[in-house]
Amino acid sequence: MSEIRESKDYMTGYRSMFIDTPVPDRLPMDPHWIRVEATEWSTKHWIHHVVYGPYDKPINEHGGLYRTIESTQWTGPPSEIRRQLRRAARAAMKAFKGAA
């Protein structure tokens, strides 16, 4: 699994953390990677979502190359969010492999 990368919005002070995991044994209709991201929207409050992509061909009628799945809201300090990100990244890859 890839490492967690972090960024910070210096205007608001809020952070984003994400893990990009390349899709192994990728087929032409599969995404290149799966990103699991947590974005802080208030102190110790995070929104979490999973992004699949880019795909080689558009996957919807608008020509989009990415598919975003809105997920849950998390609460906790950054150390707990990092643990949850790792778990979510493993679960997203396992779900993707199971669906393929």
N, C-alpha and C. Protein backbone atom coordinates (compact mmCIF):
# COMPACT_ATOMS: atom_id res chain seq x y z
N MET A 1 0.84 -1.17 0.00
CA MET A 1 0.00 0.00 0.00
C MET A 1 0.89 1.24 0.00
N SER A 2 0.44 2.27 -0.63
CA SER A 2 1.18 3.53 -0.70
C SER A 2 1.13 4.26 0.64
N GLU A 3 1.99 5.24 0.75
CA GLU A 3 2.03 6.01 1.98
C GLU A 3 0.95 7.08 2.00
N ILE A 4 0.64 7.57 3.20
CA ILE A 4 -0.34 8.64 3.35
C ILE A 4 0.35 9.96 3.04
N ARG A 5 -0.29 10.73 2.19
CA ARG A 5 0.20 12.08 1.88
C ARG A 5 -0.77 13.08 2.47
N GLU A 6 -0.23 14.20 2.91
CA GLU A 6 -1.05 15.22 3.56
C GLU A 6 -0.82 16.57 2.92
N SER A 7 -1.84 17.40 2.96
CA SER A 7 -1.72 18.79 2.53
C SER A 7 -2.54 19.64 3.49
N LYS A 8 -2.27 20.93 3.48
CA LYS A 8 -2.96 21.84 4.39
C LYS A 8 -3.36 23.09 3.63
N ASP A 9 -4.58 23.54 3.85
CA ASP A 9 -5.05 24.80 3.30
C ASP A 9 -4.64 25.88 4.29
N TYR A 10 -3.71 26.70 3.90
CA TYR A 10 -3.18 27.69 4.83
C TYR A 10 -4.14 28.85 5.08
N MET A 11 -5.17 28.98 4.28
CA MET A 11 -6.19 30.01 4.54
C MET A 11 -7.11 29.57 5.68
N THR A 12 -7.52 28.29 5.65
CA THR A 12 -8.45 27.79 6.68
C THR A 12 -7.75 27.03 7.79
N GLY A 13 -6.58 26.47 7.50
CA GLY A 13 -5.87 25.65 8.48
C GLY A 13 -6.31 24.20 8.46
N TYR A 14 -7.30 23.86 7.62
CA TYR A 14 -7.79 22.49 7.57
C TYR A 14 -6.89 21.63 6.70
N ARG A 15 -6.89 20.33 6.97
CA ARG A 15 -6.00 19.41 6.29
C ARG A 15 -6.76 18.42 5.41
N SER A 16 -6.01 17.84 4.48
CA SER A 16 -6.48 16.71 3.67
C SER A 16 -5.42 15.63 3.75
N MET A 17 -5.85 14.39 3.81
CA MET A 17 -4.95 13.25 3.80
C MET A 17 -5.47 12.28 2.77
N PHE A 18 -4.56 11.63 2.04
CA PHE A 18 -5.01 10.66 1.05
C PHE A 18 -3.96 9.60 0.81
N ILE A 19 -4.45 8.46 0.33
CA ILE A 19 -3.61 7.34 -0.08
C ILE A 19 -3.99 7.00 -1.52
N ASP A 20 -3.00 6.99 -2.41
CA ASP A 20 -3.21 6.54 -3.79
C ASP A 20 -2.63 5.14 -3.91
N THR A 21 -3.46 4.17 -4.29
CA THR A 21 -3.02 2.80 -4.46
C THR A 21 -3.18 2.40 -5.91
N PRO A 22 -2.08 2.06 -6.60
CA PRO A 22 -2.20 1.60 -7.99
C PRO A 22 -2.98 0.28 -8.05
N VAL A 23 -3.75 0.12 -9.10
CA VAL A 23 -4.51 -1.12 -9.28
C VAL A 23 -3.57 -2.16 -9.90
N PRO A 24 -3.32 -3.26 -9.18
CA PRO A 24 -2.43 -4.29 -9.72
C PRO A 24 -3.13 -5.11 -10.82
N ASP A 25 -2.36 -5.64 -11.74
CA ASP A 25 -2.89 -6.49 -12.82
C ASP A 25 -4.08 -5.81 -13.49
N ARG A 26 -3.92 -4.56 -13.81
CA ARG A 26 -4.97 -3.72 -14.36
C ARG A 26 -5.39 -4.17 -15.75
N LEU A 27 -6.69 -4.23 -15.98
CA LEU A 27 -7.26 -4.49 -17.30
C LEU A 27 -7.62 -3.16 -17.95
N PRO A 28 -7.81 -3.11 -19.27
CA PRO A 28 -8.11 -1.83 -19.94
C PRO A 28 -9.35 -1.11 -19.39
N MET A 29 -10.32 -1.85 -18.86
CA MET A 29 -11.52 -1.19 -18.36
C MET A 29 -11.44 -0.84 -16.88
N ASP A 30 -10.28 -1.08 -16.25
CA ASP A 30 -10.08 -0.77 -14.83
C ASP A 30 -9.45 0.61 -14.66
N PRO A 31 -9.64 1.22 -13.48
CA PRO A 31 -8.98 2.50 -13.22
C PRO A 31 -7.48 2.28 -13.01
N HIS A 32 -6.73 3.35 -13.13
CA HIS A 32 -5.28 3.27 -12.89
C HIS A 32 -4.97 3.16 -11.40
N TRP A 33 -5.77 3.82 -10.57
CA TRP A 33 -5.54 3.78 -9.14
C TRP A 33 -6.83 4.01 -8.37
N ILE A 34 -6.74 3.78 -7.07
CA ILE A 34 -7.85 4.05 -6.15
C ILE A 34 -7.31 5.02 -5.10
N ARG A 35 -7.99 6.14 -4.93
CA ARG A 35 -7.60 7.13 -3.91
C ARG A 35 -8.63 7.12 -2.80
N VAL A 36 -8.15 7.01 -1.56
CA VAL A 36 -8.99 7.16 -0.39
C VAL A 36 -8.57 8.47 0.26
N GLU A 37 -9.53 9.35 0.47
CA GLU A 37 -9.21 10.71 0.93
C GLU A 37 -10.08 11.11 2.11
N ALA A 38 -9.47 11.82 3.05
CA ALA A 38 -10.20 12.41 4.17
C ALA A 38 -9.89 13.90 4.16
N THR A 39 -10.93 14.72 4.19
CA THR A 39 -10.76 16.17 4.17
C THR A 39 -11.40 16.74 5.44
N GLU A 40 -10.62 17.48 6.19
CA GLU A 40 -11.10 18.09 7.43
C GLU A 40 -12.00 19.26 7.07
N TRP A 41 -13.19 19.32 7.64
CA TRP A 41 -14.09 20.44 7.37
C TRP A 41 -14.36 21.27 8.62
N SER A 42 -13.95 20.75 9.76
CA SER A 42 -14.03 21.45 11.04
C SER A 42 -13.02 20.74 11.94
N THR A 43 -12.64 21.35 13.01
CA THR A 43 -11.63 20.74 13.88
C THR A 43 -12.06 19.33 14.29
N LYS A 44 -11.24 18.36 13.93
CA LYS A 44 -11.46 16.93 14.24
C LYS A 44 -12.70 16.34 13.58
N HIS A 45 -13.21 16.99 12.53
CA HIS A 45 -14.34 16.45 11.76
C HIS A 45 -13.88 16.34 10.31
N TRP A 46 -14.09 15.16 9.74
CA TRP A 46 -13.57 14.84 8.41
C TRP A 46 -14.65 14.23 7.54
N ILE A 47 -14.59 14.51 6.24
CA ILE A 47 -15.45 13.82 5.27
C ILE A 47 -14.53 12.88 4.50
N HIS A 48 -14.98 11.67 4.29
CA HIS A 48 -14.17 10.63 3.66
C HIS A 48 -14.85 10.19 2.37
N HIS A 49 -14.05 10.02 1.32
CA HIS A 49 -14.59 9.45 0.09
C HIS A 49 -13.50 8.70 -0.67
N VAL A 50 -13.97 7.87 -1.59
CA VAL A 50 -13.09 7.03 -2.40
C VAL A 50 -13.25 7.47 -3.86
N VAL A 51 -12.11 7.61 -4.56
CA VAL A 51 -12.11 8.01 -5.96
C VAL A 51 -11.43 6.91 -6.78
N TYR A 52 -12.10 6.43 -7.82
CA TYR A 52 -11.52 5.45 -8.74
C TYR A 52 -11.18 6.18 -10.03
N GLY A 53 -9.96 5.99 -10.53
CA GLY A 53 -9.63 6.62 -11.81
C GLY A 53 -8.17 7.00 -11.89
N PRO A 54 -7.76 7.54 -12.97
CA PRO A 54 -8.56 7.76 -14.17
C PRO A 54 -8.76 6.47 -14.95
N TYR A 55 -9.86 6.40 -15.65
CA TYR A 55 -10.13 5.29 -16.56
C TYR A 55 -9.58 5.66 -17.93
N ASP A 56 -9.35 4.67 -18.77
CA ASP A 56 -8.84 4.93 -20.12
C ASP A 56 -9.89 5.57 -21.02
N LYS A 57 -11.16 5.26 -20.77
CA LYS A 57 -12.26 5.81 -21.57
C LYS A 57 -13.28 6.44 -20.63
N PRO A 58 -14.04 7.41 -21.11
CA PRO A 58 -15.07 8.02 -20.27
C PRO A 58 -16.03 6.97 -19.71
N ILE A 59 -16.43 7.17 -18.45
CA ILE A 59 -17.29 6.18 -17.80
C ILE A 59 -18.73 6.66 -17.61
N ASN A 60 -19.02 7.90 -18.05
CA ASN A 60 -20.39 8.39 -17.95
C ASN A 60 -20.71 9.27 -19.15
N GLU A 61 -21.95 9.72 -19.22
CA GLU A 61 -22.39 10.50 -20.37
C GLU A 61 -21.77 11.89 -20.43
N HIS A 62 -21.13 12.34 -19.35
CA HIS A 62 -20.48 13.65 -19.32
C HIS A 62 -19.00 13.58 -19.68
N GLY A 63 -18.50 12.39 -20.00
CA GLY A 63 -17.11 12.23 -20.38
C GLY A 63 -16.15 12.12 -19.22
N GLY A 64 -16.66 11.85 -18.02
CA GLY A 64 -15.82 11.76 -16.82
C GLY A 64 -14.90 10.55 -16.84
N LEU A 65 -13.69 10.76 -16.35
CA LEU A 65 -12.71 9.68 -16.26
C LEU A 65 -12.52 9.19 -14.84
N TYR A 66 -13.25 9.78 -13.89
CA TYR A 66 -13.14 9.42 -12.48
C TYR A 66 -14.51 9.07 -11.92
N ARG A 67 -14.52 8.18 -10.94
CA ARG A 67 -15.76 7.84 -10.25
C ARG A 67 -15.53 8.07 -8.77
N THR A 68 -16.32 8.94 -8.17
CA THR A 68 -16.19 9.27 -6.74
C THR A 68 -17.34 8.64 -5.98
N ILE A 69 -17.00 8.03 -4.87
CA ILE A 69 -18.01 7.45 -4.02
C ILE A 69 -18.00 8.21 -2.70
N GLU A 70 -19.07 8.93 -2.43
CA GLU A 70 -19.18 9.62 -1.15
C GLU A 70 -19.36 8.56 -0.07
N SER A 71 -18.73 8.80 1.03
CA SER A 71 -18.79 7.80 2.08
C SER A 71 -19.27 8.44 3.37
N THR A 72 -18.52 8.28 4.41
CA THR A 72 -18.98 8.68 5.74
C THR A 72 -18.22 9.88 6.25
N GLN A 73 -18.72 10.40 7.36
CA GLN A 73 -17.99 11.43 8.08
C GLN A 73 -17.27 10.76 9.24
N TRP A 74 -16.05 11.19 9.46
CA TRP A 74 -15.23 10.66 10.55
C TRP A 74 -14.97 11.78 11.55
N THR A 75 -14.79 11.40 12.79
CA THR A 75 -14.43 12.34 13.84
C THR A 75 -13.22 11.81 14.56
N GLY A 76 -12.24 12.67 14.77
CA GLY A 76 -11.07 12.25 15.52
C GLY A 76 -9.85 13.07 15.17
N PRO A 77 -8.80 12.87 15.96
CA PRO A 77 -7.54 13.56 15.68
C PRO A 77 -6.86 12.96 14.45
N PRO A 78 -5.88 13.67 13.87
CA PRO A 78 -5.20 13.16 12.67
C PRO A 78 -4.63 11.75 12.83
N SER A 79 -4.12 11.40 14.00
CA SER A 79 -3.55 10.05 14.17
C SER A 79 -4.61 8.97 13.97
N GLU A 80 -5.81 9.20 14.47
CA GLU A 80 -6.90 8.23 14.28
C GLU A 80 -7.36 8.21 12.82
N ILE A 81 -7.39 9.37 12.18
CA ILE A 81 -7.82 9.45 10.79
C ILE A 81 -6.82 8.69 9.90
N ARG A 82 -5.53 8.76 10.19
CA ARG A 82 -4.54 7.99 9.42
C ARG A 82 -4.81 6.49 9.51
N ARG A 83 -5.14 6.01 10.71
CA ARG A 83 -5.47 4.58 10.86
C ARG A 83 -6.72 4.23 10.05
N GLN A 84 -7.73 5.09 10.12
CA GLN A 84 -8.96 4.84 9.37
C GLN A 84 -8.71 4.88 7.87
N LEU A 85 -7.84 5.78 7.42
CA LEU A 85 -7.50 5.84 5.99
C LEU A 85 -6.87 4.54 5.52
N ARG A 86 -5.93 4.02 6.31
CA ARG A 86 -5.29 2.74 5.93
C ARG A 86 -6.32 1.62 5.84
N ARG A 87 -7.21 1.54 6.83
CA ARG A 87 -8.26 0.51 6.80
C ARG A 87 -9.17 0.70 5.59
N ALA A 88 -9.56 1.93 5.32
CA ALA A 88 -10.45 2.21 4.19
C ALA A 88 -9.78 1.90 2.86
N ALA A 89 -8.48 2.16 2.75
CA ALA A 89 -7.75 1.86 1.51
C ALA A 89 -7.71 0.35 1.28
N ARG A 90 -7.45 -0.42 2.33
CA ARG A 90 -7.46 -1.89 2.19
C ARG A 90 -8.85 -2.38 1.81
N ALA A 91 -9.88 -1.83 2.45
CA ALA A 91 -11.25 -2.25 2.16
C ALA A 91 -11.66 -1.88 0.73
N ALA A 92 -11.26 -0.70 0.26
CA ALA A 92 -11.61 -0.28 -1.10
C ALA A 92 -10.96 -1.19 -2.13
N MET A 93 -9.69 -1.54 -1.92
CA MET A 93 -9.01 -2.43 -2.86
C MET A 93 -9.63 -3.82 -2.82
N LYS A 94 -9.96 -4.29 -1.63
CA LYS A 94 -10.58 -5.62 -1.50
C LYS A 94 -11.94 -5.63 -2.19
N ALA A 95 -12.72 -4.57 -2.01
CA ALA A 95 -14.04 -4.48 -2.67
C ALA A 95 -13.88 -4.41 -4.18
N PHE A 96 -12.88 -3.68 -4.65
CA PHE A 96 -12.66 -3.57 -6.09
C PHE A 96 -12.27 -4.93 -6.67
N LYS A 97 -11.36 -5.62 -6.02
CA LYS A 97 -10.95 -6.95 -6.50
C LYS A 97 -12.10 -7.93 -6.46
N GLY A 98 -12.95 -7.82 -5.44
CA GLY A 98 -14.10 -8.72 -5.35
C GLY A 98 -15.15 -8.45 -6.39
N ALA A 99 -15.25 -7.17 -6.83
CA ALA A 99 -16.23 -6.80 -7.85
C ALA A 99 -15.75 -7.11 -9.26
N ALA A 100 -14.45 -7.26 -9.40
CA ALA A 100 -13.90 -7.49 -10.76
C ALA A 100 -14.13 -8.89 -11.24
